[in-house]
Amino acid sequence: MPISKYTYGLDEIKLDGTKIGEVFKGTCKFNAPEPTLTKFYEEGKTNPKLIIQENGEITLEFSIMNPTLQFCKQYLGGTYDDTLKKWSFGNESGIIVPGEFDIISKQGKDILVKEGYLSASIEWDISDTALFLVKCKVFPLLPEDGSEPIEVTEKA
């Protein structure tokens, strides 16, 4: 079977058509968790009479390595002083960034989140063996036109 039939690898992530940054290797995950099942049984019976399924929340998670201070201001909030090259922030600085997210694989299938919110946080193990990372989590939103929020497209 030709290898082109398989989807693998991340080429880049775009937010509203622009590359979002350098995605740290091994951190990009697109998750659709197993649904939660609520089962209703008649007393003394082994099999349920009714099962209600609640799907889990779909998320896209990744970390940006070596972010610029302008990136930090844009996705984490706070203020940036271009003259001093200084980013200032606090606990109340967090922001949520809306937009369209393209997850472009190296081969196979690409994912489009038509509209999502990106929430970011600092993930920095200050040591000689780690980098300054910004952890990003994207939550797909239901489009106003009633269409499905996520599209998966086969590469040509």
C-alpha atoms as a PDB file:
ATOM      1  CA  MET A   1       0.000   0.000   0.000  1.00  0.00           C
ATOM      2  CA  PRO A   2       1.475   3.413  -0.962  1.00  0.00           C
ATOM      3  CA  ILE A   3       2.556   5.597   1.941  1.00  0.00           C
ATOM      4  CA  SER A   4       0.539   8.527   0.503  1.00  0.00           C
ATOM      5  CA  LYS A   5      -2.615   6.933   1.934  1.00  0.00           C
ATOM      6  CA  TYR A   6      -1.489   7.764   5.470  1.00  0.00           C
ATOM      7  CA  THR A   7      -1.861  11.034   7.327  1.00  0.00           C
ATOM      8  CA  TYR A   8       1.086  12.024   9.478  1.00  0.00           C
ATOM      9  CA  GLY A   9       3.157  14.935  10.701  1.00  0.00           C
ATOM     10  CA  LEU A  10       2.447  18.593  11.224  1.00  0.00           C
ATOM     11  CA  ASP A  11       3.576  21.110   8.632  1.00  0.00           C
ATOM     12  CA  GLU A  12       2.122  24.223  10.283  1.00  0.00           C
ATOM     13  CA  ILE A  13      -0.843  25.761  12.071  1.00  0.00           C
ATOM     14  CA  LYS A  14      -2.410  28.917  10.673  1.00  0.00           C
ATOM     15  CA  LEU A  15      -4.696  31.356  12.458  1.00  0.00           C
ATOM     16  CA  ASP A  16      -6.744  33.395   9.996  1.00  0.00           C
ATOM     17  CA  GLY A  17      -4.331  32.456   7.198  1.00  0.00           C
ATOM     18  CA  THR A  18      -1.079  33.336   9.017  1.00  0.00           C
ATOM     19  CA  LYS A  19       1.384  30.859  10.529  1.00  0.00           C
ATOM     20  CA  ILE A  20       0.909  31.093  14.292  1.00  0.00           C
ATOM     21  CA  GLY A  21       4.517  30.342  15.280  1.00  0.00           C
ATOM     22  CA  GLU A  22       6.968  27.497  15.754  1.00  0.00           C
ATOM     23  CA  VAL A  23       5.032  24.512  17.085  1.00  0.00           C
ATOM     24  CA  PHE A  24       7.156  22.529  19.542  1.00  0.00           C
ATOM     25  CA  LYS A  25       7.696  18.979  18.262  1.00  0.00           C
ATOM     26  CA  GLY A  26       5.322  16.377  19.674  1.00  0.00           C
ATOM     27  CA  THR A  27       2.860  18.837  21.261  1.00  0.00           C
ATOM     28  CA  CYS A  28       0.132  19.122  18.599  1.00  0.00           C
ATOM     29  CA  LYS A  29      -2.848  16.952  19.484  1.00  0.00           C
ATOM     30  CA  PHE A  30      -6.358  16.990  18.030  1.00  0.00           C
ATOM     31  CA  ASN A  31      -8.625  15.302  20.568  1.00  0.00           C
ATOM     32  CA  ALA A  32     -12.176  14.037  20.271  1.00  0.00           C
ATOM     33  CA  PRO A  33     -12.631  12.165  23.559  1.00  0.00           C
ATOM     34  CA  GLU A  34     -14.715   9.080  24.007  1.00  0.00           C
ATOM     35  CA  PRO A  35     -18.360   9.953  24.730  1.00  0.00           C
ATOM     36  CA  THR A  36     -19.865   9.620  28.182  1.00  0.00           C
ATOM     37  CA  LEU A  37     -22.661   7.042  28.304  1.00  0.00           C
ATOM     38  CA  THR A  38     -25.440   7.215  30.870  1.00  0.00           C
ATOM     39  CA  LYS A  39     -27.234   3.864  31.133  1.00  0.00           C
ATOM     40  CA  PHE A  40     -30.649   3.240  32.660  1.00  0.00           C
ATOM     41  CA  TYR A  41     -31.455  -0.271  33.932  1.00  0.00           C
ATOM     42  CA  GLU A  42     -34.587  -1.998  35.076  1.00  0.00           C
ATOM     43  CA  GLU A  43     -34.061  -3.492  38.518  1.00  0.00           C
ATOM     44  CA  GLY A  44     -32.659  -7.005  38.253  1.00  0.00           C
ATOM     45  CA  LYS A  45     -31.824  -6.767  34.533  1.00  0.00           C
ATOM     46  CA  THR A  46     -28.325  -6.915  33.030  1.00  0.00           C
ATOM     47  CA  ASN A  47     -28.908  -4.893  29.873  1.00  0.00           C
ATOM     48  CA  PRO A  48     -29.956  -1.224  29.921  1.00  0.00           C
ATOM     49  CA  LYS A  49     -33.359  -0.031  28.739  1.00  0.00           C
ATOM     50  CA  LEU A  50     -31.962   3.301  27.576  1.00  0.00           C
ATOM     51  CA  ILE A  51     -28.538   4.766  26.870  1.00  0.00           C
ATOM     52  CA  ILE A  52     -27.928   8.493  26.534  1.00  0.00           C
ATOM     53  CA  GLN A  53     -24.689   9.534  24.877  1.00  0.00           C
ATOM     54  CA  GLU A  54     -22.971  12.852  25.582  1.00  0.00           C
ATOM     55  CA  ASN A  55     -20.028  13.589  23.326  1.00  0.00           C
ATOM     56  CA  GLY A  56     -16.864  15.035  24.818  1.00  0.00           C
ATOM     57  CA  GLU A  57     -15.433  18.422  23.947  1.00  0.00           C
ATOM     58  CA  ILE A  58     -13.207  18.458  20.859  1.00  0.00           C
ATOM     59  CA  THR A  59      -9.957  20.387  21.321  1.00  0.00           C
ATOM     60  CA  LEU A  60      -6.752  21.198  19.503  1.00  0.00           C
ATOM     61  CA  GLU A  61      -3.693  21.559  21.744  1.00  0.00           C
ATOM     62  CA  PHE A  62      -0.149  22.610  20.886  1.00  0.00           C
ATOM     63  CA  SER A  63       2.759  24.562  22.312  1.00  0.00           C
ATOM     64  CA  ILE A  64       4.617  27.411  20.636  1.00  0.00           C
ATOM     65  CA  MET A  65       8.350  27.406  21.303  1.00  0.00           C
ATOM     66  CA  ASN A  66      10.519  30.497  21.592  1.00  0.00           C
ATOM     67  CA  PRO A  67       7.600  32.946  21.299  1.00  0.00           C
ATOM     68  CA  THR A  68       8.352  36.597  20.698  1.00  0.00           C
ATOM     69  CA  LEU A  69       7.257  39.092  23.334  1.00  0.00           C
ATOM     70  CA  GLN A  70       4.795  40.522  20.777  1.00  0.00           C
ATOM     71  CA  PHE A  71       3.329  37.007  20.452  1.00  0.00           C
ATOM     72  CA  CYS A  72       3.008  36.827  24.250  1.00  0.00           C
ATOM     73  CA  LYS A  73       1.174  40.158  24.332  1.00  0.00           C
ATOM     74  CA  GLN A  74      -1.166  39.095  21.493  1.00  0.00           C
ATOM     75  CA  TYR A  75      -2.077  35.679  22.916  1.00  0.00           C
ATOM     76  CA  LEU A  76      -1.547  36.075  26.669  1.00  0.00           C
ATOM     77  CA  GLY A  77      -2.522  39.727  27.109  1.00  0.00           C
ATOM     78  CA  GLY A  78      -0.731  42.434  29.034  1.00  0.00           C
ATOM     79  CA  THR A  79       1.275  45.244  27.473  1.00  0.00           C
ATOM     80  CA  TYR A  80       4.338  45.399  25.252  1.00  0.00           C
ATOM     81  CA  ASP A  81       6.777  48.310  25.117  1.00  0.00           C
ATOM     82  CA  ASP A  82       8.516  48.241  21.739  1.00  0.00           C
ATOM     83  CA  THR A  83      11.137  50.782  22.823  1.00  0.00           C
ATOM     84  CA  LEU A  84      12.218  48.793  25.883  1.00  0.00           C
ATOM     85  CA  LYS A  85      11.463  45.388  24.288  1.00  0.00           C
ATOM     86  CA  LYS A  86       9.506  44.536  27.450  1.00  0.00           C
ATOM     87  CA  TRP A  87       6.289  42.554  27.951  1.00  0.00           C
ATOM     88  CA  SER A  88       4.360  43.112  31.194  1.00  0.00           C
ATOM     89  CA  PHE A  89       1.469  40.949  32.361  1.00  0.00           C
ATOM     90  CA  GLY A  90      -0.406  39.638  35.386  1.00  0.00           C
ATOM     91  CA  ASN A  91      -3.078  37.112  36.304  1.00  0.00           C
ATOM     92  CA  GLU A  92      -5.832  39.357  34.973  1.00  0.00           C
ATOM     93  CA  SER A  93      -4.116  39.701  31.584  1.00  0.00           C
ATOM     94  CA  GLY A  94      -5.451  36.498  29.984  1.00  0.00           C
ATOM     95  CA  ILE A  95      -7.349  36.838  26.736  1.00  0.00           C
ATOM     96  CA  ILE A  96      -9.206  34.524  24.381  1.00  0.00           C
ATOM     97  CA  VAL A  97      -8.362  34.857  20.699  1.00  0.00           C
ATOM     98  CA  PRO A  98     -11.086  33.983  18.148  1.00  0.00           C
ATOM     99  CA  GLY A  99     -10.328  32.882  14.593  1.00  0.00           C
ATOM    100  CA  GLU A 100     -10.153  30.222  11.894  1.00  0.00           C
ATOM    101  CA  PHE A 101      -7.520  27.529  12.469  1.00  0.00           C
ATOM    102  CA  ASP A 102      -5.888  25.455   9.707  1.00  0.00           C
ATOM    103  CA  ILE A 103      -3.942  22.400  10.859  1.00  0.00           C
ATOM    104  CA  ILE A 104      -1.829  21.425   7.873  1.00  0.00           C
ATOM    105  CA  SER A 105      -0.323  17.942   7.945  1.00  0.00           C
ATOM    106  CA  LYS A 106       2.798  16.876   6.091  1.00  0.00           C
ATOM    107  CA  GLN A 107       0.732  14.361   4.164  1.00  0.00           C
ATOM    108  CA  GLY A 108      -2.781  12.986   3.995  1.00  0.00           C
ATOM    109  CA  LYS A 109      -5.541  15.073   5.561  1.00  0.00           C
ATOM    110  CA  ASP A 110      -5.748  18.665   6.785  1.00  0.00           C
ATOM    111  CA  ILE A 111      -8.103  19.947   9.482  1.00  0.00           C
ATOM    112  CA  LEU A 112      -9.984  23.238   9.425  1.00  0.00           C
ATOM    113  CA  VAL A 113     -11.606  24.614  12.565  1.00  0.00           C
ATOM    114  CA  LYS A 114     -13.943  27.173  10.968  1.00  0.00           C
ATOM    115  CA  GLU A 115     -14.267  29.220  14.119  1.00  0.00           C
ATOM    116  CA  GLY A 116     -12.532  28.596  17.398  1.00  0.00           C
ATOM    117  CA  TYR A 117     -11.263  30.293  20.526  1.00  0.00           C
ATOM    118  CA  LEU A 118      -7.616  30.017  21.453  1.00  0.00           C
ATOM    119  CA  SER A 119      -6.729  30.120  25.122  1.00  0.00           C
ATOM    120  CA  ALA A 120      -3.017  30.353  25.955  1.00  0.00           C
ATOM    121  CA  SER A 121      -0.872  29.887  29.050  1.00  0.00           C
ATOM    122  CA  ILE A 122       2.808  29.915  29.911  1.00  0.00           C
ATOM    123  CA  GLU A 123       4.484  26.535  30.207  1.00  0.00           C
ATOM    124  CA  TRP A 124       8.085  27.203  31.166  1.00  0.00           C
ATOM    125  CA  ASP A 125      10.332  24.794  32.984  1.00  0.00           C
ATOM    126  CA  ILE A 126      13.263  27.140  33.598  1.00  0.00           C
ATOM    127  CA  SER A 127      16.192  24.783  33.201  1.00  0.00           C
ATOM    128  CA  ASP A 128      19.024  23.951  30.824  1.00  0.00           C
ATOM    129  CA  THR A 129      16.944  21.176  29.262  1.00  0.00           C
ATOM    130  CA  ALA A 130      13.701  23.032  28.480  1.00  0.00           C
ATOM    131  CA  LEU A 131      12.438  25.946  26.397  1.00  0.00           C
ATOM    132  CA  PHE A 132      10.047  28.794  27.082  1.00  0.00           C
ATOM    133  CA  LEU A 133       6.720  27.541  25.692  1.00  0.00           C
ATOM    134  CA  VAL A 134       3.249  29.009  25.319  1.00  0.00           C
ATOM    135  CA  LYS A 135       0.665  26.247  25.611  1.00  0.00           C
ATOM    136  CA  CYS A 136      -2.334  26.838  23.346  1.00  0.00           C
ATOM    137  CA  LYS A 137      -5.738  25.193  23.459  1.00  0.00           C
ATOM    138  CA  VAL A 138      -8.323  25.762  20.727  1.00  0.00           C
ATOM    139  CA  PHE A 139     -12.018  25.178  21.378  1.00  0.00           C
ATOM    140  CA  PRO A 140     -14.143  24.849  18.193  1.00  0.00           C
ATOM    141  CA  LEU A 141     -17.358  26.890  18.192  1.00  0.00           C
ATOM    142  CA  LEU A 142     -20.610  26.174  16.396  1.00  0.00           C
ATOM    143  CA  PRO A 143     -20.744  28.370  13.267  1.00  0.00           C
ATOM    144  CA  GLU A 144     -23.640  30.814  13.034  1.00  0.00           C
ATOM    145  CA  ASP A 145     -24.704  29.281   9.689  1.00  0.00           C
ATOM    146  CA  GLY A 146     -25.463  25.956  11.427  1.00  0.00           C
ATOM    147  CA  SER A 147     -22.749  24.005   9.600  1.00  0.00           C
ATOM    148  CA  GLU A 148     -20.353  21.593  11.278  1.00  0.00           C
ATOM    149  CA  PRO A 149     -17.468  23.382  13.056  1.00  0.00           C
ATOM    150  CA  ILE A 150     -14.667  21.121  11.765  1.00  0.00           C
ATOM    151  CA  GLU A 151     -13.750  20.041   8.241  1.00  0.00           C
ATOM    152  CA  VAL A 152     -11.188  17.394   7.295  1.00  0.00           C
ATOM    153  CA  THR A 153      -9.898  17.597   3.727  1.00  0.00           C
ATOM    154  CA  GLU A 154      -7.937  15.017   1.758  1.00  0.00           C
ATOM    155  CA  LYS A 155      -4.770  16.417   0.174  1.00  0.00           C
ATOM    156  CA  ALA A 156      -4.548  16.077  -3.609  1.00  0.00           C
END
